[in-house]
Protein backbone atom coordinates (compact mmCIF):
# COMPACT_ATOMS: atom_id res chain seq x y z
CA MET A 1 4.70 14.82 -38.23
CA VAL A 2 2.66 18.00 -37.88
CA ARG A 3 4.17 20.24 -35.20
CA GLU A 4 4.34 23.95 -34.54
CA LYS A 5 7.75 25.51 -34.39
CA ALA A 6 8.47 26.61 -30.86
CA LYS A 7 9.03 30.31 -30.24
CA GLU A 8 12.42 31.63 -29.22
CA LYS A 9 12.85 30.94 -25.50
CA ASN A 10 14.89 32.93 -23.03
CA MET A 11 17.88 30.78 -22.08
CA GLN A 12 17.31 31.67 -18.40
CA GLU A 13 13.63 30.74 -18.48
CA PRO A 14 12.89 27.23 -17.15
CA VAL A 15 12.04 24.62 -19.76
CA ARG A 16 8.75 22.89 -18.96
CA VAL A 17 8.53 19.15 -19.57
CA THR A 18 5.42 17.01 -19.07
CA VAL A 19 5.94 13.26 -18.71
CA VAL A 20 2.80 11.23 -19.41
CA VAL A 21 2.85 7.83 -17.71
CA PRO A 22 0.37 4.98 -17.13
CA THR A 23 0.92 4.87 -13.37
CA PHE A 24 -0.72 1.46 -13.12
CA ASN A 25 2.35 0.05 -14.91
CA ALA A 26 5.46 0.01 -12.71
CA GLY A 27 7.89 -0.43 -15.60
CA ASP A 28 6.59 2.50 -17.66
CA THR A 29 6.34 4.70 -14.58
CA THR A 30 9.84 4.07 -13.25
CA ARG A 31 11.32 4.46 -16.75
CA GLY A 32 9.63 7.85 -16.99
CA VAL A 33 11.19 8.85 -13.66
CA GLU A 34 14.66 7.80 -14.82
CA ILE A 35 14.29 9.79 -18.06
CA ALA A 36 13.30 12.80 -15.96
CA ARG A 37 16.47 12.31 -13.92
CA ALA A 38 18.53 12.16 -17.14
CA ILE A 39 16.96 15.44 -18.29
CA GLN A 40 17.75 17.05 -14.94
CA ARG A 41 21.36 15.81 -14.94
CA VAL A 42 22.17 17.31 -18.32
CA ALA A 43 20.26 20.50 -17.48
CA ASP A 44 22.64 20.97 -14.54
CA GLN A 45 25.63 20.31 -16.80
CA ARG A 46 24.46 22.89 -19.34
CA GLY A 47 23.44 25.50 -16.82
CA ARG A 48 19.76 25.29 -17.75
CA GLU A 49 16.66 25.21 -15.58
CA VAL A 50 13.96 22.62 -16.13
CA GLU A 51 10.58 21.95 -14.55
CA VAL A 52 9.48 18.34 -14.95
CA SER A 53 5.99 17.23 -13.96
CA PHE A 54 4.08 13.99 -14.46
CA LEU A 55 0.58 13.53 -15.86
CA HIS A 56 -1.36 10.33 -15.16
CA PRO A 57 -4.85 8.78 -15.20
CA GLU A 58 -6.75 7.81 -12.06
CA THR A 59 -6.57 4.06 -11.41
CA ARG A 60 -6.98 1.72 -8.46
CA GLN A 61 -3.44 0.34 -8.73
CA SER A 62 -1.03 3.26 -8.95
CA PHE A 63 2.69 3.99 -8.58
CA VAL A 64 2.19 7.76 -8.21
CA LYS A 65 3.86 7.57 -4.80
CA GLN A 66 7.16 6.52 -6.42
CA ILE A 67 7.06 9.62 -8.65
CA ALA A 68 6.44 11.92 -5.71
CA GLU A 69 9.22 10.26 -3.70
CA ALA A 70 11.59 10.98 -6.60
CA GLY A 71 10.80 14.69 -6.12
CA TYR A 72 8.50 15.37 -9.07
CA GLU A 73 5.12 17.08 -9.17
CA THR A 74 2.22 14.89 -10.28
CA ARG A 75 -1.22 15.78 -11.56
CA SER A 76 -4.16 13.72 -12.70
CA THR A 77 -5.81 13.97 -16.08
CA GLY A 78 -9.10 13.85 -14.18
CA LEU A 79 -10.03 10.71 -16.09
CA ALA A 80 -10.55 7.50 -14.12
CA LEU A 81 -9.89 4.15 -15.78
CA SER A 82 -11.77 1.15 -14.43
CA GLN A 83 -9.88 -1.96 -13.38
CA GLU A 84 -11.41 -3.75 -16.37
CA GLU A 85 -9.99 -1.10 -18.70
CA VAL A 86 -6.59 -1.32 -17.03
CA ASP A 87 -6.60 -5.11 -17.38
CA THR A 88 -7.46 -4.78 -21.09
CA ILE A 89 -4.64 -2.28 -21.64
CA MET A 90 -2.12 -4.44 -19.77
CA ARG A 91 -3.04 -7.50 -21.83
CA ALA A 92 -3.14 -5.76 -25.21
CA ASP A 93 0.45 -6.57 -26.16
CA HIS A 94 0.03 -10.09 -24.74
CA ASP A 95 -3.04 -10.78 -26.90
CA GLY A 96 -2.38 -8.58 -29.94
CA THR A 97 -5.54 -6.56 -29.25
CA GLU A 98 -6.54 -2.93 -28.95
CA PHE A 99 -6.02 -0.89 -25.79
CA LEU A 100 -9.66 0.21 -25.59
CA THR A 101 -12.47 -1.05 -27.80
CA ASP A 102 -14.93 1.74 -26.99
CA GLN A 103 -14.46 4.69 -29.35
CA ARG A 104 -15.97 7.18 -26.91
CA ARG A 105 -13.59 6.13 -24.12
CA SER A 106 -10.62 6.24 -26.50
CA GLY A 107 -11.61 9.80 -27.34
CA ASP A 108 -12.01 10.65 -23.66
CA VAL A 109 -8.38 9.66 -23.02
CA ILE A 110 -7.15 11.81 -25.93
CA ASP A 111 -9.26 14.75 -24.72
CA ALA A 112 -8.04 14.47 -21.13
CA ILE A 113 -4.39 14.65 -22.21
CA THR A 114 -5.07 17.38 -24.79
CA ASP A 115 -6.90 19.54 -22.22
CA ASP A 116 -3.93 19.33 -19.84
CA LEU A 117 -1.45 20.19 -22.60
CA ARG A 118 -3.61 23.16 -23.60
CA GLN A 119 -3.65 24.44 -20.03
CA TYR A 120 -0.05 23.66 -19.02
CA ARG A 121 1.52 24.22 -22.46
CA PRO A 122 4.87 22.44 -21.92
CA ASP A 123 7.88 22.93 -24.17
CA LEU A 124 8.23 19.16 -24.50
CA MET A 125 6.14 16.09 -23.78
CA VAL A 126 7.75 12.75 -22.92
CA TYR A 127 5.60 9.65 -22.89
CA GLY A 128 5.78 5.87 -22.81
CA PHE A 129 3.94 3.36 -24.97
CA ILE A 130 0.72 5.43 -24.88
CA PRO A 131 -0.58 6.13 -28.40
CA HIS A 132 -3.30 8.42 -27.01
CA ALA A 133 -0.55 10.70 -25.68
CA GLY A 134 1.24 10.71 -29.03
CA ILE A 135 -1.96 11.74 -30.77
CA ALA A 136 -2.57 14.51 -28.23
CA ALA A 137 0.95 15.91 -28.72
CA GLN A 138 0.47 15.95 -32.48
CA LEU A 139 -2.95 17.63 -32.21
CA MET A 140 -1.44 20.33 -29.98
CA GLY A 141 1.74 20.73 -32.04
CA ILE A 142 3.95 20.05 -29.01
CA PRO A 143 7.39 18.49 -29.56
CA SER A 144 7.60 15.03 -28.09
CA VAL A 145 9.85 12.14 -27.13
CA VAL A 146 8.44 8.62 -26.84
CA TYR A 147 10.22 5.82 -25.01
CA SER A 148 9.59 2.20 -25.93
CA PRO A 149 11.22 -1.18 -25.22
CA CYS A 150 12.20 -1.66 -28.87
CA PRO A 151 12.18 0.37 -32.11
CA VAL A 152 8.60 1.02 -33.24
CA TYR A 153 9.70 1.20 -36.86
CA ARG A 154 7.94 -1.07 -39.31
CA PRO A 155 11.00 -2.39 -41.23
CA TRP A 156 12.79 -3.21 -37.95
CA LEU A 157 9.79 -4.89 -36.39
CA GLU A 158 9.14 -6.99 -39.49
CA GLN A 159 12.70 -8.31 -39.46
CA TYR A 160 13.83 -8.34 -35.83
CA PHE A 161 10.80 -8.19 -33.52
CA LEU A 162 10.87 -11.94 -32.88
CA LEU A 163 14.14 -13.84 -32.43
CA ASP A 164 12.36 -17.22 -32.48
CA VAL A 165 8.90 -18.68 -32.93
CA PRO A 166 6.77 -17.45 -29.98
CA ASP A 167 6.10 -19.86 -27.14
CA ASP A 168 2.34 -19.87 -27.61
CA LEU A 169 2.74 -20.96 -31.25
CA ARG A 170 5.40 -23.60 -30.61
CA LEU A 171 4.54 -27.21 -31.36
CA ARG A 172 6.83 -30.17 -30.88
CA ILE A 173 7.50 -30.34 -34.61
CA VAL A 174 8.57 -26.66 -34.56
CA ASP A 175 11.04 -27.35 -31.75
CA ARG A 176 12.71 -29.99 -33.94
CA LEU A 177 13.16 -27.64 -36.91
CA PRO A 178 16.61 -26.22 -37.72
CA LYS A 179 17.34 -22.88 -36.10
CA ARG A 180 17.64 -21.22 -39.52
CA LEU A 181 14.12 -22.29 -40.48
CA ARG A 182 12.69 -21.20 -37.13
CA THR A 183 14.32 -17.79 -37.61
CA TRP A 184 12.66 -17.47 -41.02
CA MET A 185 9.31 -18.40 -39.47
CA ALA A 186 9.86 -15.83 -36.72
CA ARG A 187 10.41 -13.08 -39.29
CA ARG A 188 7.26 -14.07 -41.17
CA LEU A 189 5.32 -13.97 -37.91
CA SER A 190 6.83 -10.58 -37.07
CA SER A 191 5.46 -9.25 -40.35
CA LEU A 192 2.02 -10.74 -39.69
CA ALA A 193 1.97 -9.25 -36.18
CA MET A 194 1.97 -5.77 -37.74
CA ARG A 195 -1.59 -6.52 -38.94
CA SER A 196 -2.90 -7.28 -35.45
CA GLY A 197 -5.29 -5.03 -33.60
CA PHE A 198 -2.47 -4.00 -31.29
CA PHE A 199 -0.48 -2.34 -34.07
CA ARG A 200 -3.51 -1.12 -36.08
CA GLN A 201 -5.61 0.30 -33.19
CA PRO A 202 -8.57 1.04 -35.53
CA VAL A 203 -10.94 2.25 -32.79
CA LEU A 204 -8.38 4.72 -31.46
CA ALA A 205 -7.58 5.87 -35.01
CA ARG A 206 -11.28 6.68 -35.63
CA ALA A 207 -11.50 8.63 -32.37
CA ALA A 208 -8.35 10.55 -33.33
CA ARG A 209 -9.67 11.37 -36.81
CA GLU A 210 -12.84 12.80 -35.24
CA ARG A 211 -10.57 15.26 -33.40
CA GLY A 212 -8.66 16.37 -36.49
CA TRP A 213 -5.66 14.04 -36.30
CA ASP A 214 -4.26 13.84 -39.84
CA ASN A 215 -1.09 11.76 -39.64
CA PRO A 216 -0.86 9.74 -42.90
CA GLN A 217 0.03 6.63 -40.88
CA THR A 218 -3.25 5.68 -39.25
CA ASP A 219 -1.81 3.03 -36.96
CA MET A 220 0.58 2.67 -34.02
CA PHE A 221 3.47 3.92 -36.16
CA GLY A 222 1.69 7.23 -36.78
CA MET A 223 0.38 7.50 -33.24
CA LEU A 224 3.90 7.21 -31.80
CA ASP A 225 5.35 9.58 -34.45
CA ALA A 226 7.56 11.65 -32.15
CA ASP A 227 10.60 13.86 -32.70
CA ILE A 228 12.73 11.22 -30.95
CA GLN A 229 11.95 7.61 -30.17
CA LEU A 230 14.12 6.47 -27.26
CA VAL A 231 15.06 2.84 -26.83
CA ASN A 232 16.98 2.56 -23.56
CA ASP A 233 18.84 -0.66 -24.18
CA LEU A 234 22.38 -1.86 -24.84
CA PRO A 235 23.48 -0.57 -28.28
CA ILE A 236 25.30 -3.85 -28.97
CA TYR A 237 21.93 -5.58 -29.44
CA TYR A 238 21.16 -3.36 -32.46
CA GLU A 239 24.49 -3.20 -34.26
CA GLY A 240 24.07 -3.32 -38.05
CA GLN A 241 20.28 -2.93 -37.87
CA ASP A 242 18.14 -0.20 -39.42
CA VAL A 243 16.21 1.06 -36.39
CA GLY A 244 14.60 4.02 -38.17
CA PRO A 245 15.45 7.69 -38.79
CA ARG A 246 14.11 8.97 -35.45
CA THR A 247 15.03 6.05 -33.21
CA ARG A 248 17.95 6.44 -30.85
CA ILE A 249 19.43 3.54 -28.89
CA ALA A 250 20.31 5.52 -25.79
CA GLY A 251 21.67 2.96 -23.33
CA PRO A 252 19.91 1.32 -20.38
CA LEU A 253 17.90 3.30 -17.82
CA PHE A 254 16.20 1.66 -14.88
CA SER A 255 15.26 2.45 -11.33
CA LYS A 256 18.16 2.43 -8.85
CA PRO A 257 16.67 3.90 -5.65
CA VAL A 258 19.89 4.56 -3.72
CA ASP A 259 18.02 6.09 -0.79
CA VAL A 260 15.82 3.03 -0.25
CA PRO A 261 17.55 0.59 2.11
CA VAL A 262 17.33 -3.16 1.65
CA PRO A 263 14.84 -4.39 4.29
CA PRO A 264 16.74 -5.92 7.22
CA GLU A 265 14.96 -9.25 6.92
CA ILE A 266 16.32 -9.59 3.35
CA VAL A 267 19.82 -8.57 4.43
CA HIS A 268 19.68 -11.21 7.16
CA ARG A 269 18.34 -13.88 4.79
CA PHE A 270 21.14 -13.32 2.27
CA ALA A 271 23.97 -12.69 4.76
CA GLY A 272 27.08 -14.84 4.99
CA GLU A 273 28.02 -18.10 3.37
CA GLY A 274 25.63 -20.98 2.95
CA ALA A 275 23.04 -22.17 0.46
CA PRO A 276 22.72 -20.27 -2.87
CA LYS A 277 20.65 -17.07 -2.78
CA VAL A 278 17.65 -16.72 -5.12
CA PHE A 279 15.66 -13.52 -5.70
CA VAL A 280 12.19 -13.91 -7.26
CA ALA A 281 10.61 -10.73 -8.68
CA MET A 282 8.20 -10.94 -11.61
CA GLY A 283 7.16 -7.29 -11.77
CA SER A 284 3.80 -5.56 -11.99
CA SER A 285 2.94 -7.31 -15.26
CA GLY A 286 3.72 -10.79 -13.92
CA GLU A 287 0.81 -13.17 -13.58
CA LYS A 288 -0.27 -14.83 -10.35
CA GLU A 289 -0.04 -18.48 -11.37
CA TYR A 290 3.49 -18.04 -12.73
CA LEU A 291 4.65 -16.39 -9.51
CA LEU A 292 3.01 -19.12 -7.40
CA THR A 293 4.73 -21.76 -9.52
CA ALA A 294 8.09 -20.08 -8.89
CA ILE A 295 7.36 -20.05 -5.14
CA GLU A 296 6.58 -23.75 -5.12
CA ALA A 297 9.70 -24.48 -7.17
CA VAL A 298 12.15 -22.62 -4.89
CA ALA A 299 10.54 -24.32 -1.91
CA GLY A 300 11.97 -27.61 -3.18
CA VAL A 301 15.50 -26.39 -3.90
CA ASN A 302 18.40 -26.14 -1.46
CA CYS A 303 18.63 -22.36 -1.43
CA ARG A 304 17.81 -19.17 0.45
CA ALA A 305 15.05 -17.37 -1.41
CA VAL A 306 13.35 -13.97 -1.24
CA VAL A 307 10.11 -13.62 -3.19
CA VAL A 308 8.40 -10.29 -3.87
CA CYS A 309 4.60 -10.69 -3.92
CA PRO A 310 3.01 -7.49 -5.31
CA PRO A 311 -0.42 -7.16 -3.65
CA HIS A 312 -2.20 -6.61 -6.97
CA VAL A 313 -0.71 -9.89 -8.30
CA VAL A 314 -1.03 -12.22 -5.31
CA SER A 315 -1.79 -11.79 -1.61
CA LEU A 316 0.71 -12.90 1.01
CA ASP A 317 -1.92 -15.27 2.43
CA GLU A 318 -2.34 -17.04 -0.91
CA ALA A 319 1.44 -17.16 -1.45
CA ARG A 320 1.96 -18.64 2.03
CA LEU A 321 -0.70 -21.25 1.33
CA ARG A 322 1.19 -22.37 -1.79
CA LEU A 323 4.55 -22.27 0.00
CA GLY A 324 3.55 -24.39 2.97
CA GLU A 325 5.73 -24.88 6.03
CA ILE A 326 9.05 -23.95 4.40
CA ASP A 327 11.46 -21.74 6.31
CA HIS A 328 14.14 -21.08 3.69
CA VAL A 329 11.80 -18.90 1.56
CA LEU A 330 10.99 -15.33 2.65
CA LEU A 331 7.82 -13.81 1.17
CA THR A 332 7.37 -10.04 1.19
CA ASP A 333 4.90 -7.56 -0.27
CA ARG A 334 7.16 -4.57 0.49
CA PHE A 335 8.70 -2.35 -2.16
CA VAL A 336 12.34 -3.43 -2.38
CA PRO A 337 15.30 -1.80 -4.20
CA ALA A 338 15.63 -4.44 -6.90
CA PRO A 339 19.20 -3.55 -8.07
CA ALA A 340 20.57 -3.85 -4.53
CA VAL A 341 18.74 -7.10 -3.80
CA ASN A 342 19.76 -8.53 -7.18
CA SER A 343 23.37 -7.78 -6.30
CA LEU A 344 23.04 -9.88 -3.16
CA ALA A 345 21.56 -12.86 -5.03
CA ASP A 346 23.22 -15.66 -6.96
CA VAL A 347 20.23 -16.13 -9.31
CA ALA A 348 17.21 -14.00 -10.22
CA ILE A 349 13.88 -15.50 -11.29
CA ILE A 350 12.06 -12.86 -13.34
CA HIS A 351 9.67 -12.11 -16.17
CA GLY A 352 11.16 -10.51 -19.27
CA GLY A 353 10.27 -6.86 -18.80
CA GLN A 354 13.04 -4.64 -20.10
CA GLY A 355 13.67 -2.86 -16.80
CA THR A 356 13.65 -6.13 -14.85
CA VAL A 357 16.09 -7.71 -17.29
CA GLN A 358 18.39 -4.67 -17.22
CA THR A 359 18.35 -4.68 -13.43
CA ALA A 360 19.64 -8.26 -13.42
CA VAL A 361 22.32 -7.36 -15.98
CA TYR A 362 23.35 -4.35 -13.89
CA ALA A 363 23.79 -6.62 -10.87
CA GLY A 364 25.67 -9.31 -12.83
CA THR A 365 23.10 -11.91 -11.78
CA PRO A 366 22.25 -14.98 -13.90
CA VAL A 367 18.58 -15.21 -14.82
CA LEU A 368 15.84 -17.81 -14.99
CA GLY A 369 12.78 -16.35 -16.66
CA THR A 370 9.63 -16.62 -18.69
CA GLY A 371 8.15 -13.91 -20.91
CA MET A 372 4.56 -12.83 -20.38
CA GLN A 373 4.41 -11.68 -24.01
CA TRP A 374 6.50 -11.67 -27.19
CA GLU A 375 8.69 -8.64 -26.45
CA GLN A 376 9.60 -10.03 -23.03
CA CYS A 377 10.59 -13.36 -24.60
CA SER A 378 12.96 -11.47 -26.92
CA ASN A 379 14.49 -9.59 -23.98
CA LEU A 380 15.25 -12.88 -22.25
CA ASP A 381 16.46 -14.51 -25.46
CA ARG A 382 19.20 -11.88 -25.76
CA LEU A 383 20.53 -13.01 -22.39
CA VAL A 384 20.19 -16.66 -23.40
CA GLN A 385 22.28 -15.96 -26.50
CA ARG A 386 24.99 -14.47 -24.28
CA GLY A 387 24.88 -17.45 -21.90
CA SER A 388 23.67 -15.65 -18.76
CA ALA A 389 20.09 -16.94 -18.70
CA ILE A 390 17.70 -19.83 -19.16
CA ARG A 391 14.27 -19.02 -20.56
CA ILE A 392 11.39 -21.42 -20.04
CA PRO A 393 8.42 -21.12 -22.43
CA ARG A 394 5.19 -20.09 -20.71
CA LYS A 395 3.50 -23.41 -21.43
CA ASN A 396 6.41 -25.23 -19.76
CA TRP A 397 6.56 -23.02 -16.67
CA GLN A 398 5.88 -25.89 -14.30
CA VAL A 399 7.28 -26.60 -10.86
CA SER A 400 9.51 -29.47 -11.98
CA ARG A 401 10.89 -27.54 -14.97
CA VAL A 402 11.56 -24.39 -12.95
CA ARG A 403 13.21 -26.38 -10.19
CA GLU A 404 15.45 -28.31 -12.60
CA SER A 405 16.47 -25.15 -14.48
CA LEU A 406 17.22 -23.30 -11.25
CA GLU A 407 19.46 -26.12 -10.04
CA ARG A 408 21.25 -26.08 -13.40
CA LEU A 409 21.88 -22.33 -13.19
CA ILE A 410 23.24 -22.69 -9.68
CA ALA A 411 25.51 -25.61 -10.54
CA ASP A 412 27.08 -24.23 -13.74
CA PRO A 413 29.46 -21.27 -13.10
CA ALA A 414 29.52 -20.43 -16.82
CA HIS A 415 26.21 -18.57 -16.43
CA ALA A 416 27.67 -16.35 -13.71
CA VAL A 417 30.74 -15.61 -15.86
CA ALA A 418 28.52 -14.58 -18.80
CA ALA A 419 26.41 -12.42 -16.49
CA ARG A 420 29.51 -10.56 -15.27
CA GLU A 421 30.61 -9.94 -18.85
CA LEU A 422 27.24 -8.37 -19.67
CA GLN A 423 27.48 -6.37 -16.45
CA GLU A 424 30.77 -4.88 -17.63
CA GLU A 425 29.24 -3.90 -20.98
CA LEU A 426 26.35 -2.16 -19.24
CA ALA A 427 28.71 -0.37 -16.85
CA SER A 428 30.56 1.13 -19.82
CA THR A 429 27.34 2.60 -21.26
CA ASP A 430 25.99 5.78 -19.63
CA GLY A 431 22.31 5.71 -20.57
CA TYR A 432 21.54 8.78 -18.46
CA GLN A 433 24.09 10.94 -20.25
CA MET A 434 23.10 9.67 -23.69
CA THR A 435 19.38 10.18 -22.99
CA GLY A 436 19.81 13.62 -21.45
CA ASP A 437 22.06 14.83 -24.26
CA LEU A 438 19.61 13.67 -26.93
CA ILE A 439 16.69 15.44 -25.30
CA TRP A 440 18.56 18.68 -24.60
CA ASP A 441 19.96 18.75 -28.13
CA LEU A 442 16.36 18.49 -29.35
CA LEU A 443 15.26 21.29 -27.01
CA SER A 444 18.12 23.49 -28.23
CA GLU A 445 17.06 22.97 -31.85
CA ILE A 446 13.46 23.79 -30.98
CA SER A 447 14.43 26.95 -29.10
CA ARG A 448 16.29 28.15 -32.22
CA GLY A 449 13.21 27.47 -34.32
CA ASP A 450 14.99 24.71 -36.28
CA GLU A 451 13.40 21.47 -37.36
CA PRO A 452 15.10 18.59 -35.48
CA ASP A 453 17.94 17.11 -37.50
CA MET A 454 16.79 13.50 -37.82
């Protein structure tokens, strides 16, 4: 990767870090905030000063407020993305397509980030799964750290990206095949997925080349070519696997807003003994029909349920219409502290986003879930393998199936036992310390003028 060597920096001078986040995506945004907290924690331990600020595009749906509430400065790139563009970006990994198909707009995003880096000139840039940001950092010669839900390393992805044949490709005959054969098919499909528009990003690559980008890898692997690639997940999932020379499995990080109280109506709903408690939260990337199906399913189960209805996914009016006159299900569109509410619940119904899954593991809560795309299915499958979850394929996410699976999770205590075992493993892994140490070790090498030891 082409990068300028940083100049010697006064040890007392604050280190400047820019975190680039797609603030329309709750998972990427909150993960960026937690990485910032990890950087700050280790800075305090090492007696260093750090200034962390967040850079984001302008979008209709935005989680900028959560960044500001965490105490960090935010600034806009000055570039507004339309809702249509946001929808295309959010579905890219679902559909295997490009983020943006207009070369001019792809270039605009690169330019907006590059202009900010030129003006602010940070010592380090941290960014999520945003290839435009990776290109900008390389063009400006700024050291960078990328965080992603899994290793973006071609040999790993070709072998381990899929644990089973994806739901949308499953036929009845495939379901009857031996597990060993399905695993072989999954690896073949993983290799083929590397040829999709999502991993190739040809339009973005052309826009980058026009601006002088010269990474020899002209695809996602070159675009995300950072000094460190962080995967904040349990290391046990990757034992014995070649994750790549720059990838670091740094332990789970996810939002735990300790200063946000659980709304009193939720506390009341889950208080005391009685029917099992079910928490339904399908995240910002969940889809409306899947959330409505979950609402209808819990309405027919003997339980006490709390369902989070993000306004950009489904309105409370539409959710209430699907629910009907049922009084054991509480619908809310408020922001809730998911770890705390998970801890109160007996079962969580979720999608397979990494942060959402880790939140359930942190709380020791068994999971019923469906993945919105391939990576989310793999996240859930890891819990299934450990016995703490049931995953329902997207095509089978129907009221009767969800209801039957939920009742099975509630009735079988083995799922709760497995969930507590995973909880103990997570508790023994300090993702904040591991992440902060990795980043500050990189900054120390840069300040000495050394090339990072990867």
